Amino acid sequence: MSNKRNRLIYLISTGLLTALMLMSAGMYFFNNQMVSETFTSLGYPTHIIYPLAIAKILGLVAIWTKKSQTLKEWAYAGFFFDFVLATTAHFVANDGGAMPALFAIVLVLVSYNFEKKI
């Protein structure tokens, strides 16, 4: 029973993380002007928008596939650092945008921990 519960928690948290990352990458590609303005207001260079979107998609592929445990670990680490930096930037800018990044940190931690349990 516990293994079934752990798998369900893993699938839900990873599914929500996936939805969040796909929406984010989609915004980076299809609503670039708004994202550029946000990056500029946070003090980040806009030339990293497209590479970051591609990295998010590749990170999801690494997490969902069972090809390489090392690559999966790096993907989780990359997401964690991305969300910590986003949270910090939004707090410093005091723009009220930190909550989605905090939620993403929780999703990454839950997904990572329960992936280890299944």
PDB file of N, CA and C in Angstrom:
ATOM      1  N   MET A   1       0.825  -1.201   0.000  1.00  0.00           N
ATOM      2  CA  MET A   1       0.000   0.000   0.000  1.00  0.00           C
ATOM      3  C   MET A   1       0.863   1.255   0.000  1.00  0.00           C
ATOM      4  N   SER A   2       1.935   1.253   0.799  1.00  0.00           N
ATOM      5  CA  SER A   2       2.799   2.417   0.902  1.00  0.00           C
ATOM      6  C   SER A   2       3.476   2.723  -0.441  1.00  0.00           C
ATOM      7  N   ASN A   3       3.883   1.680  -1.166  1.00  0.00           N
ATOM      8  CA  ASN A   3       4.529   1.881  -2.452  1.00  0.00           C
ATOM      9  C   ASN A   3       3.561   2.512  -3.463  1.00  0.00           C
ATOM     10  N   LYS A   4       2.301   2.087  -3.394  1.00  0.00           N
ATOM     11  CA  LYS A   4       1.284   2.654  -4.283  1.00  0.00           C
ATOM     12  C   LYS A   4       1.072   4.139  -3.983  1.00  0.00           C
ATOM     13  N   ARG A   5       1.036   4.472  -2.708  1.00  0.00           N
ATOM     14  CA  ARG A   5       0.856   5.864  -2.278  1.00  0.00           C
ATOM     15  C   ARG A   5       2.058   6.704  -2.709  1.00  0.00           C
ATOM     16  N   ASN A   6       3.258   6.168  -2.510  1.00  0.00           N
ATOM     17  CA  ASN A   6       4.470   6.889  -2.908  1.00  0.00           C
ATOM     18  C   ASN A   6       4.492   7.144  -4.407  1.00  0.00           C
ATOM     19  N   ARG A   7       4.104   6.146  -5.174  1.00  0.00           N
ATOM     20  CA  ARG A   7       4.073   6.296  -6.642  1.00  0.00           C
ATOM     21  C   ARG A   7       3.047   7.343  -7.055  1.00  0.00           C
ATOM     22  N   LEU A   8       1.901   7.355  -6.407  1.00  0.00           N
ATOM     23  CA  LEU A   8       0.864   8.336  -6.724  1.00  0.00           C
ATOM     24  C   LEU A   8       1.340   9.756  -6.406  1.00  0.00           C
ATOM     25  N   ILE A   9       1.969   9.928  -5.251  1.00  0.00           N
ATOM     26  CA  ILE A   9       2.499  11.247  -4.878  1.00  0.00           C
ATOM     27  C   ILE A   9       3.570  11.677  -5.875  1.00  0.00           C
ATOM     28  N   TYR A  10       4.432  10.736  -6.274  1.00  0.00           N
ATOM     29  CA  TYR A  10       5.463  11.045  -7.266  1.00  0.00           C
ATOM     30  C   TYR A  10       4.825  11.472  -8.588  1.00  0.00           C
ATOM     31  N   LEU A  11       3.856  10.717  -9.049  1.00  0.00           N
ATOM     32  CA  LEU A  11       3.231  11.028 -10.339  1.00  0.00           C
ATOM     33  C   LEU A  11       2.496  12.365 -10.310  1.00  0.00           C
ATOM     34  N   ILE A  12       1.801  12.658  -9.224  1.00  0.00           N
ATOM     35  CA  ILE A  12       1.076  13.926  -9.122  1.00  0.00           C
ATOM     36  C   ILE A  12       2.054  15.097  -9.068  1.00  0.00           C
ATOM     37  N   SER A  13       3.054  15.007  -8.208  1.00  0.00           N
ATOM     38  CA  SER A  13       4.003  16.123  -8.089  1.00  0.00           C
ATOM     39  C   SER A  13       4.801  16.316  -9.374  1.00  0.00           C
ATOM     40  N   THR A  14       5.218  15.236  -9.996  1.00  0.00           N
ATOM     41  CA  THR A  14       5.979  15.338 -11.234  1.00  0.00           C
ATOM     42  C   THR A  14       5.086  15.820 -12.381  1.00  0.00           C
ATOM     43  N   GLY A  15       3.839  15.397 -12.382  1.00  0.00           N
ATOM     44  CA  GLY A  15       2.890  15.876 -13.389  1.00  0.00           C
ATOM     45  C   GLY A  15       2.632  17.367 -13.254  1.00  0.00           C
ATOM     46  N   LEU A  16       2.461  17.848 -12.023  1.00  0.00           N
ATOM     47  CA  LEU A  16       2.266  19.285 -11.810  1.00  0.00           C
ATOM     48  C   LEU A  16       3.521  20.071 -12.183  1.00  0.00           C
ATOM     49  N   LEU A  17       4.686  19.530 -11.830  1.00  0.00           N
ATOM     50  CA  LEU A  17       5.945  20.167 -12.215  1.00  0.00           C
ATOM     51  C   LEU A  17       6.063  20.232 -13.737  1.00  0.00           C
ATOM     52  N   THR A  18       5.699  19.163 -14.404  1.00  0.00           N
ATOM     53  CA  THR A  18       5.745  19.116 -15.865  1.00  0.00           C
ATOM     54  C   THR A  18       4.818  20.162 -16.468  1.00  0.00           C
ATOM     55  N   ALA A  19       3.593  20.246 -15.958  1.00  0.00           N
ATOM     56  CA  ALA A  19       2.647  21.243 -16.468  1.00  0.00           C
ATOM     57  C   ALA A  19       3.192  22.655 -16.270  1.00  0.00           C
ATOM     58  N   LEU A  20       3.751  22.910 -15.113  1.00  0.00           N
ATOM     59  CA  LEU A  20       4.313  24.227 -14.820  1.00  0.00           C
ATOM     60  C   LEU A  20       5.467  24.556 -15.767  1.00  0.00           C
ATOM     61  N   MET A  21       6.354  23.599 -15.996  1.00  0.00           N
ATOM     62  CA  MET A  21       7.507  23.835 -16.860  1.00  0.00           C
ATOM     63  C   MET A  21       7.107  23.978 -18.329  1.00  0.00           C
ATOM     64  N   LEU A  22       6.132  23.195 -18.764  1.00  0.00           N
ATOM     65  CA  LEU A  22       5.674  23.322 -20.150  1.00  0.00           C
ATOM     66  C   LEU A  22       4.970  24.659 -20.374  1.00  0.00           C
ATOM     67  N   MET A  23       4.191  25.111 -19.391  1.00  0.00           N
ATOM     68  CA  MET A  23       3.553  26.426 -19.499  1.00  0.00           C
ATOM     69  C   MET A  23       4.623  27.521 -19.521  1.00  0.00           C
ATOM     70  N   SER A  24       5.627  27.377 -18.677  1.00  0.00           N
ATOM     71  CA  SER A  24       6.708  28.355 -18.622  1.00  0.00           C
ATOM     72  C   SER A  24       7.464  28.395 -19.950  1.00  0.00           C
ATOM     73  N   ALA A  25       7.873  27.248 -20.453  1.00  0.00           N
ATOM     74  CA  ALA A  25       8.604  27.191 -21.720  1.00  0.00           C
ATOM     75  C   ALA A  25       7.737  27.722 -22.858  1.00  0.00           C
ATOM     76  N   GLY A  26       6.453  27.411 -22.821  1.00  0.00           N
ATOM     77  CA  GLY A  26       5.534  27.934 -23.837  1.00  0.00           C
ATOM     78  C   GLY A  26       5.475  29.449 -23.808  1.00  0.00           C
ATOM     79  N   MET A  27       5.421  30.012 -22.610  1.00  0.00           N
ATOM     80  CA  MET A  27       5.433  31.473 -22.477  1.00  0.00           C
ATOM     81  C   MET A  27       6.734  32.041 -23.038  1.00  0.00           C
ATOM     82  N   TYR A  28       7.841  31.384 -22.754  1.00  0.00           N
ATOM     83  CA  TYR A  28       9.136  31.873 -23.232  1.00  0.00           C
ATOM     84  C   TYR A  28       9.180  31.909 -24.755  1.00  0.00           C
ATOM     85  N   PHE A  29       8.581  30.908 -25.399  1.00  0.00           N
ATOM     86  CA  PHE A  29       8.584  30.852 -26.861  1.00  0.00           C
ATOM     87  C   PHE A  29       7.512  31.727 -27.491  1.00  0.00           C
ATOM     88  N   PHE A  30       6.299  31.695 -26.942  1.00  0.00           N
ATOM     89  CA  PHE A  30       5.158  32.312 -27.629  1.00  0.00           C
ATOM     90  C   PHE A  30       4.735  33.674 -27.094  1.00  0.00           C
ATOM     91  N   ASN A  31       5.235  34.062 -25.936  1.00  0.00           N
ATOM     92  CA  ASN A  31       4.923  35.375 -25.374  1.00  0.00           C
ATOM     93  C   ASN A  31       6.233  36.035 -24.943  1.00  0.00           C
ATOM     94  N   ASN A  32       7.172  36.031 -25.871  1.00  0.00           N
ATOM     95  CA  ASN A  32       8.533  36.460 -25.576  1.00  0.00           C
ATOM     96  C   ASN A  32       8.614  37.910 -25.131  1.00  0.00           C
ATOM     97  N   GLN A  33       7.780  38.776 -25.664  1.00  0.00           N
ATOM     98  CA  GLN A  33       7.836  40.193 -25.306  1.00  0.00           C
ATOM     99  C   GLN A  33       7.540  40.390 -23.817  1.00  0.00           C
ATOM    100  N   MET A  34       6.499  39.744 -23.313  1.00  0.00           N
ATOM    101  CA  MET A  34       6.161  39.877 -21.896  1.00  0.00           C
ATOM    102  C   MET A  34       7.261  39.270 -21.016  1.00  0.00           C
ATOM    103  N   VAL A  35       7.761  38.116 -21.407  1.00  0.00           N
ATOM    104  CA  VAL A  35       8.821  37.455 -20.640  1.00  0.00           C
ATOM    105  C   VAL A  35      10.080  38.317 -20.653  1.00  0.00           C
ATOM    106  N   SER A  36      10.401  38.924 -21.785  1.00  0.00           N
ATOM    107  CA  SER A  36      11.571  39.812 -21.870  1.00  0.00           C
ATOM    108  C   SER A  36      11.437  40.986 -20.913  1.00  0.00           C
ATOM    109  N   GLU A  37      10.251  41.560 -20.845  1.00  0.00           N
ATOM    110  CA  GLU A  37      10.025  42.674 -19.922  1.00  0.00           C
ATOM    111  C   GLU A  37      10.195  42.227 -18.470  1.00  0.00           C
ATOM    112  N   THR A  38       9.692  41.037 -18.146  1.00  0.00           N
ATOM    113  CA  THR A  38       9.834  40.507 -16.789  1.00  0.00           C
ATOM    114  C   THR A  38      11.301  40.246 -16.464  1.00  0.00           C
ATOM    115  N   PHE A  39      12.023  39.607 -17.387  1.00  0.00           N
ATOM    116  CA  PHE A  39      13.445  39.339 -17.169  1.00  0.00           C
ATOM    117  C   PHE A  39      14.208  40.644 -16.958  1.00  0.00           C
ATOM    118  N   THR A  40      13.908  41.648 -17.765  1.00  0.00           N
ATOM    119  CA  THR A  40      14.583  42.942 -17.642  1.00  0.00           C
ATOM    120  C   THR A  40      14.287  43.573 -16.287  1.00  0.00           C
ATOM    121  N   SER A  41      13.033  43.515 -15.852  1.00  0.00           N
ATOM    122  CA  SER A  41      12.680  44.108 -14.558  1.00  0.00           C
ATOM    123  C   SER A  41      13.332  43.367 -13.386  1.00  0.00           C
ATOM    124  N   LEU A  42      13.643  42.097 -13.580  1.00  0.00           N
ATOM    125  CA  LEU A  42      14.303  41.314 -12.536  1.00  0.00           C
ATOM    126  C   LEU A  42      15.824  41.415 -12.610  1.00  0.00           C
ATOM    127  N   GLY A  43      16.317  42.054 -13.660  1.00  0.00           N
ATOM    128  CA  GLY A  43      17.756  42.226 -13.797  1.00  0.00           C
ATOM    129  C   GLY A  43      18.460  41.096 -14.528  1.00  0.00           C
ATOM    130  N   TYR A  44      17.708  40.234 -15.186  1.00  0.00           N
ATOM    131  CA  TYR A  44      18.305  39.131 -15.939  1.00  0.00           C
ATOM    132  C   TYR A  44      18.423  39.518 -17.409  1.00  0.00           C
ATOM    133  N   PRO A  45      19.459  39.019 -18.088  1.00  0.00           N
ATOM    134  CA  PRO A  45      19.587  39.317 -19.519  1.00  0.00           C
ATOM    135  C   PRO A  45      18.527  38.548 -20.315  1.00  0.00           C
ATOM    136  N   THR A  46      18.033  39.165 -21.370  1.00  0.00           N
ATOM    137  CA  THR A  46      16.963  38.534 -22.151  1.00  0.00           C
ATOM    138  C   THR A  46      17.481  37.464 -23.107  1.00  0.00           C
ATOM    139  N   HIS A  47      18.784  37.451 -23.364  1.00  0.00           N
ATOM    140  CA  HIS A  47      19.301  36.445 -24.305  1.00  0.00           C
ATOM    141  C   HIS A  47      19.281  35.026 -23.729  1.00  0.00           C
ATOM    142  N   ILE A  48      18.961  34.864 -22.460  1.00  0.00           N
ATOM    143  CA  ILE A  48      18.905  33.512 -21.884  1.00  0.00           C
ATOM    144  C   ILE A  48      17.504  32.903 -21.937  1.00  0.00           C
ATOM    145  N   ILE A  49      16.541  33.641 -22.464  1.00  0.00           N
ATOM    146  CA  ILE A  49      15.149  33.161 -22.457  1.00  0.00           C
ATOM    147  C   ILE A  49      14.996  31.871 -23.263  1.00  0.00           C
ATOM    148  N   TYR A  50      15.434  31.863 -24.515  1.00  0.00           N
ATOM    149  CA  TYR A  50      15.259  30.668 -25.341  1.00  0.00           C
ATOM    150  C   TYR A  50      16.079  29.482 -24.840  1.00  0.00           C
ATOM    151  N   PRO A  51      17.355  29.675 -24.491  1.00  0.00           N
ATOM    152  CA  PRO A  51      18.109  28.527 -23.936  1.00  0.00           C
ATOM    153  C   PRO A  51      17.482  27.983 -22.648  1.00  0.00           C
ATOM    154  N   LEU A  52      16.945  28.863 -21.822  1.00  0.00           N
ATOM    155  CA  LEU A  52      16.307  28.407 -20.590  1.00  0.00           C
ATOM    156  C   LEU A  52      15.042  27.601 -20.889  1.00  0.00           C
ATOM    157  N   ALA A  53      14.279  28.023 -21.880  1.00  0.00           N
ATOM    158  CA  ALA A  53      13.078  27.271 -22.278  1.00  0.00           C
ATOM    159  C   ALA A  53      13.457  25.882 -22.777  1.00  0.00           C
ATOM    160  N   ILE A  54      14.486  25.810 -23.597  1.00  0.00           N
ATOM    161  CA  ILE A  54      14.948  24.515 -24.106  1.00  0.00           C
ATOM    162  C   ILE A  54      15.467  23.645 -22.966  1.00  0.00           C
ATOM    163  N   ALA A  55      16.195  24.244 -22.031  1.00  0.00           N
ATOM    164  CA  ALA A  55      16.709  23.491 -20.873  1.00  0.00           C
ATOM    165  C   ALA A  55      15.571  22.936 -20.025  1.00  0.00           C
ATOM    166  N   LYS A  56      14.487  23.684 -19.883  1.00  0.00           N
ATOM    167  CA  LYS A  56      13.340  23.203 -19.111  1.00  0.00           C
ATOM    168  C   LYS A  56      12.717  21.978 -19.773  1.00  0.00           C
ATOM    169  N   ILE A  57      12.578  22.030 -21.075  1.00  0.00           N
ATOM    170  CA  ILE A  57      12.004  20.881 -21.796  1.00  0.00           C
ATOM    171  C   ILE A  57      12.926  19.666 -21.710  1.00  0.00           C
ATOM    172  N   LEU A  58      14.219  19.884 -21.903  1.00  0.00           N
ATOM    173  CA  LEU A  58      15.180  18.773 -21.806  1.00  0.00           C
ATOM    174  C   LEU A  58      15.241  18.211 -20.383  1.00  0.00           C
ATOM    175  N   GLY A  59      15.095  19.075 -19.388  1.00  0.00           N
ATOM    176  CA  GLY A  59      15.062  18.616 -18.002  1.00  0.00           C
ATOM    177  C   GLY A  59      13.881  17.701 -17.741  1.00  0.00           C
ATOM    178  N   LEU A  60      12.739  18.054 -18.325  1.00  0.00           N
ATOM    179  CA  LEU A  60      11.556  17.192 -18.175  1.00  0.00           C
ATOM    180  C   LEU A  60      11.775  15.837 -18.832  1.00  0.00           C
ATOM    181  N   VAL A  61      12.393  15.852 -20.002  1.00  0.00           N
ATOM    182  CA  VAL A  61      12.689  14.586 -20.688  1.00  0.00           C
ATOM    183  C   VAL A  61      13.607  13.733 -19.810  1.00  0.00           C
ATOM    184  N   ALA A  62      14.609  14.357 -19.206  1.00  0.00           N
ATOM    185  CA  ALA A  62      15.545  13.615 -18.347  1.00  0.00           C
ATOM    186  C   ALA A  62      14.842  13.029 -17.130  1.00  0.00           C
ATOM    187  N   ILE A  63      13.892  13.765 -16.565  1.00  0.00           N
ATOM    188  CA  ILE A  63      13.188  13.276 -15.376  1.00  0.00           C
ATOM    189  C   ILE A  63      12.237  12.132 -15.717  1.00  0.00           C
ATOM    190  N   TRP A  64      11.542  12.230 -16.825  1.00  0.00           N
ATOM    191  CA  TRP A  64      10.542  11.215 -17.160  1.00  0.00           C
ATOM    192  C   TRP A  64      11.145   9.951 -17.758  1.00  0.00           C
ATOM    193  N   THR A  65      12.311  10.049 -18.383  1.00  0.00           N
ATOM    194  CA  THR A  65      12.911   8.838 -18.958  1.00  0.00           C
ATOM    195  C   THR A  65      13.781   8.153 -17.910  1.00  0.00           C
ATOM    196  N   LYS A  66      13.988   6.909 -18.087  1.00  0.00           N
ATOM    197  CA  LYS A  66      14.798   6.118 -17.148  1.00  0.00           C
ATOM    198  C   LYS A  66      16.176   5.816 -17.737  1.00  0.00           C
ATOM    199  N   LYS A  67      16.614   6.617 -18.697  1.00  0.00           N
ATOM    200  CA  LYS A  67      17.876   6.349 -19.395  1.00  0.00           C
ATOM    201  C   LYS A  67      19.099   6.556 -18.504  1.00  0.00           C
ATOM    202  N   SER A  68      19.135   7.670 -17.775  1.00  0.00           N
ATOM    203  CA  SER A  68      20.330   7.989 -16.997  1.00  0.00           C
ATOM    204  C   SER A  68      19.946   8.607 -15.657  1.00  0.00           C
ATOM    205  N   GLN A  69      20.308   7.929 -14.585  1.00  0.00           N
ATOM    206  CA  GLN A  69      20.015   8.453 -13.244  1.00  0.00           C
ATOM    207  C   GLN A  69      20.823   9.728 -12.986  1.00  0.00           C
ATOM    208  N   THR A  70      22.030   9.792 -13.499  1.00  0.00           N
ATOM    209  CA  THR A  70      22.866  10.986 -13.323  1.00  0.00           C
ATOM    210  C   THR A  70      22.240  12.188 -14.007  1.00  0.00           C
ATOM    211  N   LEU A  71      21.763  11.993 -15.219  1.00  0.00           N
ATOM    212  CA  LEU A  71      21.111  13.082 -15.946  1.00  0.00           C
ATOM    213  C   LEU A  71      19.846  13.543 -15.221  1.00  0.00           C
ATOM    214  N   LYS A  72      19.121  12.596 -14.663  1.00  0.00           N
ATOM    215  CA  LYS A  72      17.918  12.925 -13.900  1.00  0.00           C
ATOM    216  C   LYS A  72      18.280  13.769 -12.674  1.00  0.00           C
ATOM    217  N   GLU A  73      19.342  13.397 -11.976  1.00  0.00           N
ATOM    218  CA  GLU A  73      19.802  14.157 -10.811  1.00  0.00           C
ATOM    219  C   GLU A  73      20.169  15.591 -11.202  1.00  0.00           C
ATOM    220  N   TRP A  74      20.862  15.739 -12.324  1.00  0.00           N
ATOM    221  CA  TRP A  74      21.243  17.064 -12.799  1.00  0.00           C
ATOM    222  C   TRP A  74      20.011  17.882 -13.175  1.00  0.00           C
ATOM    223  N   ALA A  75      19.022  17.232 -13.748  1.00  0.00           N
ATOM    224  CA  ALA A  75      17.793  17.945 -14.115  1.00  0.00           C
ATOM    225  C   ALA A  75      17.075  18.461 -12.869  1.00  0.00           C
ATOM    226  N   TYR A  76      16.955  17.607 -11.862  1.00  0.00           N
ATOM    227  CA  TYR A  76      16.336  18.058 -10.603  1.00  0.00           C
ATOM    228  C   TYR A  76      17.138  19.212 -10.001  1.00  0.00           C
ATOM    229  N   ALA A  77      18.462  19.105 -10.009  1.00  0.00           N
ATOM    230  CA  ALA A  77      19.303  20.169  -9.456  1.00  0.00           C
ATOM    231  C   ALA A  77      19.123  21.463 -10.248  1.00  0.00           C
ATOM    232  N   GLY A  78      19.090  21.352 -11.554  1.00  0.00           N
ATOM    233  CA  GLY A  78      18.894  22.533 -12.393  1.00  0.00           C
ATOM    234  C   GLY A  78      17.572  23.216 -12.123  1.00  0.00           C
ATOM    235  N   PHE A  79      16.512  22.428 -12.008  1.00  0.00           N
ATOM    236  CA  PHE A  79      15.202  23.004 -11.686  1.00  0.00           C
ATOM    237  C   PHE A  79      15.228  23.668 -10.315  1.00  0.00           C
ATOM    238  N   PHE A  80      15.827  23.006  -9.345  1.00  0.00           N
ATOM    239  CA  PHE A  80      15.888  23.564  -7.994  1.00  0.00           C
ATOM    240  C   PHE A  80      16.598  24.919  -7.999  1.00  0.00           C
ATOM    241  N   PHE A  81      17.762  24.983  -8.638  1.00  0.00           N
ATOM    242  CA  PHE A  81      18.507  26.244  -8.675  1.00  0.00           C
ATOM    243  C   PHE A  81      17.751  27.315  -9.455  1.00  0.00           C
ATOM    244  N   ASP A  82      17.112  26.938 -10.539  1.00  0.00           N
ATOM    245  CA  ASP A  82      16.315  27.888 -11.320  1.00  0.00           C
ATOM    246  C   ASP A  82      15.217  28.496 -10.452  1.00  0.00           C
ATOM    247  N   PHE A  83      14.539  27.658  -9.689  1.00  0.00           N
ATOM    248  CA  PHE A  83      13.432  28.153  -8.868  1.00  0.00           C
ATOM    249  C   PHE A  83      13.909  28.967  -7.672  1.00  0.00           C
ATOM    250  N   VAL A  84      15.038  28.589  -7.096  1.00  0.00           N
ATOM    251  CA  VAL A  84      15.592  29.382  -5.989  1.00  0.00           C
ATOM    252  C   VAL A  84      15.984  30.766  -6.492  1.00  0.00           C
ATOM    253  N   LEU A  85      16.638  30.821  -7.653  1.00  0.00           N
ATOM    254  CA  LEU A  85      17.009  32.118  -8.225  1.00  0.00           C
ATOM    255  C   LEU A  85      15.780  32.938  -8.591  1.00  0.00           C
ATOM    256  N   ALA A  86      14.759  32.288  -9.140  1.00  0.00           N
ATOM    257  CA  ALA A  86      13.525  33.006  -9.489  1.00  0.00           C
ATOM    258  C   ALA A  86      12.842  33.554  -8.240  1.00  0.00           C
ATOM    259  N   THR A  87      12.780  32.736  -7.190  1.00  0.00           N
ATOM    260  CA  THR A  87      12.171  33.188  -5.936  1.00  0.00           C
ATOM    261  C   THR A  87      12.915  34.392  -5.381  1.00  0.00           C
ATOM    262  N   THR A  88      14.229  34.295  -5.343  1.00  0.00           N
ATOM    263  CA  THR A  88      15.050  35.382  -4.818  1.00  0.00           C
ATOM    264  C   THR A  88      14.867  36.657  -5.645  1.00  0.00           C
ATOM    265  N   ALA A  89      14.886  36.517  -6.965  1.00  0.00           N
ATOM    266  CA  ALA A  89      14.734  37.684  -7.831  1.00  0.00           C
ATOM    267  C   ALA A  89      13.381  38.361  -7.616  1.00  0.00           C
ATOM    268  N   HIS A  90      12.331  37.569  -7.489  1.00  0.00           N
ATOM    269  CA  HIS A  90      11.002  38.151  -7.279  1.00  0.00           C
ATOM    270  C   HIS A  90      10.883  38.807  -5.900  1.00  0.00           C
ATOM    271  N   PHE A  91      11.497  38.217  -4.891  1.00  0.00           N
ATOM    272  CA  PHE A  91      11.495  38.841  -3.561  1.00  0.00           C
ATOM    273  C   PHE A  91      12.241  40.172  -3.582  1.00  0.00           C
ATOM    274  N   VAL A  92      13.401  40.181  -4.214  1.00  0.00           N
ATOM    275  CA  VAL A  92      14.199  41.407  -4.286  1.00  0.00           C
ATOM    276  C   VAL A  92      13.459  42.486  -5.080  1.00  0.00           C
ATOM    277  N   ALA A  93      12.829  42.100  -6.175  1.00  0.00           N
ATOM    278  CA  ALA A  93      12.081  43.056  -6.996  1.00  0.00           C
ATOM    279  C   ALA A  93      10.775  43.474  -6.327  1.00  0.00           C
ATOM    280  N   ASN A  94      10.347  42.692  -5.333  1.00  0.00           N
ATOM    281  CA  ASN A  94       9.102  42.971  -4.612  1.00  0.00           C
ATOM    282  C   ASN A  94       7.918  43.137  -5.568  1.00  0.00           C
ATOM    283  N   ASP A  95       7.843  42.211  -6.537  1.00  0.00           N
ATOM    284  CA  ASP A  95       6.781  42.288  -7.540  1.00  0.00           C
ATOM    285  C   ASP A  95       5.645  41.296  -7.303  1.00  0.00           C
ATOM    286  N   GLY A  96       5.718  40.539  -6.217  1.00  0.00           N
ATOM    287  CA  GLY A  96       4.653  39.606  -5.886  1.00  0.00           C
ATOM    288  C   GLY A  96       4.657  38.324  -6.699  1.00  0.00           C
ATOM    289  N   GLY A  97       5.722  38.065  -7.451  1.00  0.00           N
ATOM    290  CA  GLY A  97       5.769  36.885  -8.307  1.00  0.00           C
ATOM    291  C   GLY A  97       6.511  35.706  -7.731  1.00  0.00           C
ATOM    292  N   ALA A  98       6.795  35.732  -6.448  1.00  0.00           N
ATOM    293  CA  ALA A  98       7.600  34.666  -5.853  1.00  0.00           C
ATOM    294  C   ALA A  98       6.802  33.387  -5.559  1.00  0.00           C
ATOM    295  N   MET A  99       5.505  33.488  -5.401  1.00  0.00           N
ATOM    296  CA  MET A  99       4.725  32.309  -4.999  1.00  0.00           C
ATOM    297  C   MET A  99       4.776  31.150  -6.000  1.00  0.00           C
ATOM    298  N   PRO A 100       4.645  31.392  -7.312  1.00  0.00           N
ATOM    299  CA  PRO A 100       4.776  30.252  -8.232  1.00  0.00           C
ATOM    300  C   PRO A 100       6.145  29.574  -8.142  1.00  0.00           C
ATOM    301  N   ALA A 101       7.194  30.360  -7.948  1.00  0.00           N
ATOM    302  CA  ALA A 101       8.537  29.776  -7.827  1.00  0.00           C
ATOM    303  C   ALA A 101       8.665  28.975  -6.526  1.00  0.00           C
ATOM    304  N   LEU A 102       8.076  29.466  -5.448  1.00  0.00           N
ATOM    305  CA  LEU A 102       8.094  28.703  -4.185  1.00  0.00           C
ATOM    306  C   LEU A 102       7.319  27.399  -4.335  1.00  0.00           C
ATOM    307  N   PHE A 103       6.179  27.471  -5.008  1.00  0.00           N
ATOM    308  CA  PHE A 103       5.388  26.273  -5.276  1.00  0.00           C
ATOM    309  C   PHE A 103       6.205  25.280  -6.104  1.00  0.00           C
ATOM    310  N   ALA A 104       6.944  25.789  -7.080  1.00  0.00           N
ATOM    311  CA  ALA A 104       7.774  24.922  -7.917  1.00  0.00           C
ATOM    312  C   ALA A 104       8.887  24.258  -7.104  1.00  0.00           C
ATOM    313  N   ILE A 105       9.455  24.987  -6.157  1.00  0.00           N
ATOM    314  CA  ILE A 105      10.480  24.389  -5.287  1.00  0.00           C
ATOM    315  C   ILE A 105       9.887  23.214  -4.523  1.00  0.00           C
ATOM    316  N   VAL A 106       8.696  23.397  -3.994  1.00  0.00           N
ATOM    317  CA  VAL A 106       8.029  22.310  -3.261  1.00  0.00           C
ATOM    318  C   VAL A 106       7.792  21.124  -4.188  1.00  0.00           C
ATOM    319  N   LEU A 107       7.314  21.376  -5.405  1.00  0.00           N
ATOM    320  CA  LEU A 107       7.067  20.282  -6.357  1.00  0.00           C
ATOM    321  C   LEU A 107       8.351  19.528  -6.674  1.00  0.00           C
ATOM    322  N   VAL A 108       9.444  20.250  -6.888  1.00  0.00           N
ATOM    323  CA  VAL A 108      10.721  19.597  -7.197  1.00  0.00           C
ATOM    324  C   VAL A 108      11.168  18.726  -6.033  1.00  0.00           C
ATOM    325  N   LEU A 109      11.083  19.252  -4.827  1.00  0.00           N
ATOM    326  CA  LEU A 109      11.524  18.491  -3.656  1.00  0.00           C
ATOM    327  C   LEU A 109      10.661  17.253  -3.428  1.00  0.00           C
ATOM    328  N   VAL A 110       9.355  17.395  -3.578  1.00  0.00           N
ATOM    329  CA  VAL A 110       8.452  16.251  -3.388  1.00  0.00           C
ATOM    330  C   VAL A 110       8.700  15.211  -4.475  1.00  0.00           C
ATOM    331  N   SER A 111       8.770  15.648  -5.724  1.00  0.00           N
ATOM    332  CA  SER A 111       9.008  14.722  -6.825  1.00  0.00           C
ATOM    333  C   SER A 111      10.325  13.983  -6.639  1.00  0.00           C
ATOM    334  N   TYR A 112      11.372  14.715  -6.307  1.00  0.00           N
ATOM    335  CA  TYR A 112      12.694  14.105  -6.137  1.00  0.00           C
ATOM    336  C   TYR A 112      12.685  13.082  -4.999  1.00  0.00           C
ATOM    337  N   ASN A 113      12.130  13.465  -3.863  1.00  0.00           N
ATOM    338  CA  ASN A 113      12.126  12.560  -2.704  1.00  0.00           C
ATOM    339  C   ASN A 113      11.280  11.322  -2.947  1.00  0.00           C
ATOM    340  N   PHE A 114      10.130  11.469  -3.586  1.00  0.00           N
ATOM    341  CA  PHE A 114       9.283  10.299  -3.805  1.00  0.00           C
ATOM    342  C   PHE A 114       9.760   9.454  -4.977  1.00  0.00           C
ATOM    343  N   GLU A 115      10.537  10.039  -5.903  1.00  0.00           N
ATOM    344  CA  GLU A 115      11.136   9.232  -6.962  1.00  0.00           C
ATOM    345  C   GLU A 115      12.104   8.230  -6.358  1.00  0.00           C
ATOM    346  N   LYS A 116      12.760   8.631  -5.267  1.00  0.00           N
ATOM    347  CA  LYS A 116      13.700   7.747  -4.571  1.00  0.00           C
ATOM    348  C   LYS A 116      12.981   6.605  -3.837  1.00  0.00           C
ATOM    349  N   LYS A 117      11.708   6.828  -3.486  1.00  0.00           N
ATOM    350  CA  LYS A 117      10.970   5.842  -2.687  1.00  0.00           C
ATOM    351  C   LYS A 117      10.243   4.793  -3.517  1.00  0.00           C
ATOM    352  N   ILE A 118      10.109   5.029  -4.823  1.00  0.00           N
ATOM    353  CA  ILE A 118       9.364   4.053  -5.628  1.00  0.00           C
ATOM    354  C   ILE A 118      10.303   3.094  -6.327  1.00  0.00           C
TER     355      ILE A 118
END
